Amino acid sequence: MNATLSLDEAGRLVLPINALRLFGMKPGDQVRADVSPNRIDICPEPPVVSEGVIESGVLVMARQGIPMDAAAAVRADRDALAERSLPR
């Protein structure tokens, strides 16, 4: 996706809504700008991953704001492993 951006009166760049949707971004999310003499690359800043804590023998990770179905992820990994181990 290419887009032409313009600066507002305060010197801020406003990203098009389609770009925000593409990256799943919302107001307040951080971006990283890699600046070189003739180019500015803007990338979503990945969330900071914090350490988990053990509660009642269960590892509990800090909330990252990213929807995840852990059970589905485990099933998918298990199914992929089973698929690789089946004789062909």
C-alpha atoms as a PDB file:
ATOM      1  CA  MET A   1       0.000   0.000   0.000  1.00  0.00           C
ATOM      2  CA  ASN A   2       1.315   3.449  -0.884  1.00  0.00           C
ATOM      3  CA  ALA A   3      -0.142   6.658   0.462  1.00  0.00           C
ATOM      4  CA  THR A   4       0.692  10.331   0.253  1.00  0.00           C
ATOM      5  CA  LEU A   5       0.656  11.932   3.691  1.00  0.00           C
ATOM      6  CA  SER A   6       0.543  15.584   4.587  1.00  0.00           C
ATOM      7  CA  LEU A   7       1.549  17.418   7.723  1.00  0.00           C
ATOM      8  CA  ASP A   8      -1.021  19.219   9.825  1.00  0.00           C
ATOM      9  CA  GLU A   9      -0.411  22.656  11.356  1.00  0.00           C
ATOM     10  CA  ALA A  10       1.389  21.087  14.332  1.00  0.00           C
ATOM     11  CA  GLY A  11       3.756  19.136  12.043  1.00  0.00           C
ATOM     12  CA  ARG A  12       2.094  15.760  12.654  1.00  0.00           C
ATOM     13  CA  LEU A  13       1.570  13.055  10.051  1.00  0.00           C
ATOM     14  CA  VAL A  14      -1.892  11.541   9.940  1.00  0.00           C
ATOM     15  CA  LEU A  15      -2.007   7.959   8.710  1.00  0.00           C
ATOM     16  CA  PRO A  16      -4.903   6.969   6.446  1.00  0.00           C
ATOM     17  CA  ILE A  17      -7.585   4.842   8.100  1.00  0.00           C
ATOM     18  CA  ASN A  18      -6.824   1.979   5.680  1.00  0.00           C
ATOM     19  CA  ALA A  19      -3.223   1.861   6.902  1.00  0.00           C
ATOM     20  CA  LEU A  20      -4.374   1.808  10.516  1.00  0.00           C
ATOM     21  CA  ARG A  21      -6.782  -1.036   9.784  1.00  0.00           C
ATOM     22  CA  LEU A  22      -4.117  -2.960   7.865  1.00  0.00           C
ATOM     23  CA  PHE A  23      -1.867  -2.995  10.929  1.00  0.00           C
ATOM     24  CA  GLY A  24      -4.682  -3.311  13.469  1.00  0.00           C
ATOM     25  CA  MET A  25      -3.657  -0.019  15.050  1.00  0.00           C
ATOM     26  CA  LYS A  26      -5.735   2.338  17.142  1.00  0.00           C
ATOM     27  CA  PRO A  27      -5.201   5.825  18.582  1.00  0.00           C
ATOM     28  CA  GLY A  28      -2.451   5.810  21.184  1.00  0.00           C
ATOM     29  CA  ASP A  29      -0.494   2.930  19.620  1.00  0.00           C
ATOM     30  CA  GLN A  30       3.182   3.665  19.095  1.00  0.00           C
ATOM     31  CA  VAL A  31       5.064   3.581  15.796  1.00  0.00           C
ATOM     32  CA  ARG A  32       8.778   3.591  15.023  1.00  0.00           C
ATOM     33  CA  ALA A  33      10.161   5.945  12.378  1.00  0.00           C
ATOM     34  CA  ASP A  34      13.424   4.962  10.700  1.00  0.00           C
ATOM     35  CA  VAL A  35      14.737   8.165   9.145  1.00  0.00           C
ATOM     36  CA  SER A  36      17.443   8.439   6.490  1.00  0.00           C
ATOM     37  CA  PRO A  37      18.313  11.407   4.234  1.00  0.00           C
ATOM     38  CA  ASN A  38      15.721  10.596   1.541  1.00  0.00           C
ATOM     39  CA  ARG A  39      13.345   8.222   3.274  1.00  0.00           C
ATOM     40  CA  ILE A  40      11.138   7.764   6.345  1.00  0.00           C
ATOM     41  CA  ASP A  41       9.925   4.241   7.141  1.00  0.00           C
ATOM     42  CA  ILE A  42       7.087   4.062   9.652  1.00  0.00           C
ATOM     43  CA  CYS A  43       6.486   0.710  11.343  1.00  0.00           C
ATOM     44  CA  PRO A  44       4.140  -0.314  14.154  1.00  0.00           C
ATOM     45  CA  GLU A  45       6.097  -0.656  17.378  1.00  0.00           C
ATOM     46  CA  PRO A  46       5.612  -4.183  18.723  1.00  0.00           C
ATOM     47  CA  PRO A  47       4.165  -4.358  22.217  1.00  0.00           C
ATOM     48  CA  VAL A  48       6.633  -4.702  25.076  1.00  0.00           C
ATOM     49  CA  VAL A  49       6.518  -8.265  26.335  1.00  0.00           C
ATOM     50  CA  SER A  50       6.808  -8.434  30.068  1.00  0.00           C
ATOM     51  CA  GLU A  51       7.683 -11.402  32.194  1.00  0.00           C
ATOM     52  CA  GLY A  52       4.935 -13.707  33.344  1.00  0.00           C
ATOM     53  CA  VAL A  53       4.287 -14.658  36.940  1.00  0.00           C
ATOM     54  CA  ILE A  54       3.495 -18.027  38.460  1.00  0.00           C
ATOM     55  CA  GLU A  55       0.131 -18.080  40.248  1.00  0.00           C
ATOM     56  CA  SER A  56      -0.995 -21.347  41.842  1.00  0.00           C
ATOM     57  CA  GLY A  57       1.443 -23.253  39.653  1.00  0.00           C
ATOM     58  CA  VAL A  58       0.182 -21.621  36.413  1.00  0.00           C
ATOM     59  CA  LEU A  59       2.239 -19.227  34.284  1.00  0.00           C
ATOM     60  CA  VAL A  60       0.193 -16.045  33.809  1.00  0.00           C
ATOM     61  CA  MET A  61       1.427 -13.631  31.140  1.00  0.00           C
ATOM     62  CA  ALA A  62       0.799  -9.899  31.309  1.00  0.00           C
ATOM     63  CA  ARG A  63      -2.093  -8.655  29.188  1.00  0.00           C
ATOM     64  CA  GLN A  64      -0.824  -7.453  25.819  1.00  0.00           C
ATOM     65  CA  GLY A  65      -4.079  -6.263  24.273  1.00  0.00           C
ATOM     66  CA  ILE A  66      -3.723  -8.826  21.488  1.00  0.00           C
ATOM     67  CA  PRO A  67      -6.631 -11.274  21.219  1.00  0.00           C
ATOM     68  CA  MET A  68      -5.398 -14.851  21.424  1.00  0.00           C
ATOM     69  CA  ASP A  69      -7.048 -18.215  21.781  1.00  0.00           C
ATOM     70  CA  ALA A  70      -4.367 -20.217  23.591  1.00  0.00           C
ATOM     71  CA  ALA A  71      -6.331 -23.472  23.363  1.00  0.00           C
ATOM     72  CA  ALA A  72      -6.693 -23.103  19.588  1.00  0.00           C
ATOM     73  CA  ALA A  73      -2.963 -22.366  19.273  1.00  0.00           C
ATOM     74  CA  VAL A  74      -2.064 -25.482  21.266  1.00  0.00           C
ATOM     75  CA  ARG A  75      -4.475 -27.614  19.201  1.00  0.00           C
ATOM     76  CA  ALA A  76      -3.010 -26.274  15.949  1.00  0.00           C
ATOM     77  CA  ASP A  77       0.549 -27.044  17.101  1.00  0.00           C
ATOM     78  CA  ARG A  78      -0.486 -30.516  18.274  1.00  0.00           C
ATOM     79  CA  ASP A  79      -2.291 -31.252  14.996  1.00  0.00           C
ATOM     80  CA  ALA A  80       0.681 -30.032  12.930  1.00  0.00           C
ATOM     81  CA  LEU A  81       3.033 -32.254  14.944  1.00  0.00           C
ATOM     82  CA  ALA A  82       0.699 -35.243  14.535  1.00  0.00           C
ATOM     83  CA  GLU A  83       0.449 -34.572  10.788  1.00  0.00           C
ATOM     84  CA  ARG A  84       4.231 -34.652  10.434  1.00  0.00           C
ATOM     85  CA  SER A  85       4.556 -37.902  12.382  1.00  0.00           C
ATOM     86  CA  LEU A  86       1.928 -39.859  10.416  1.00  0.00           C
ATOM     87  CA  PRO A  87       3.320 -42.464   8.004  1.00  0.00           C
ATOM     88  CA  ARG A  88       2.785 -41.540   4.386  1.00  0.00           C
END
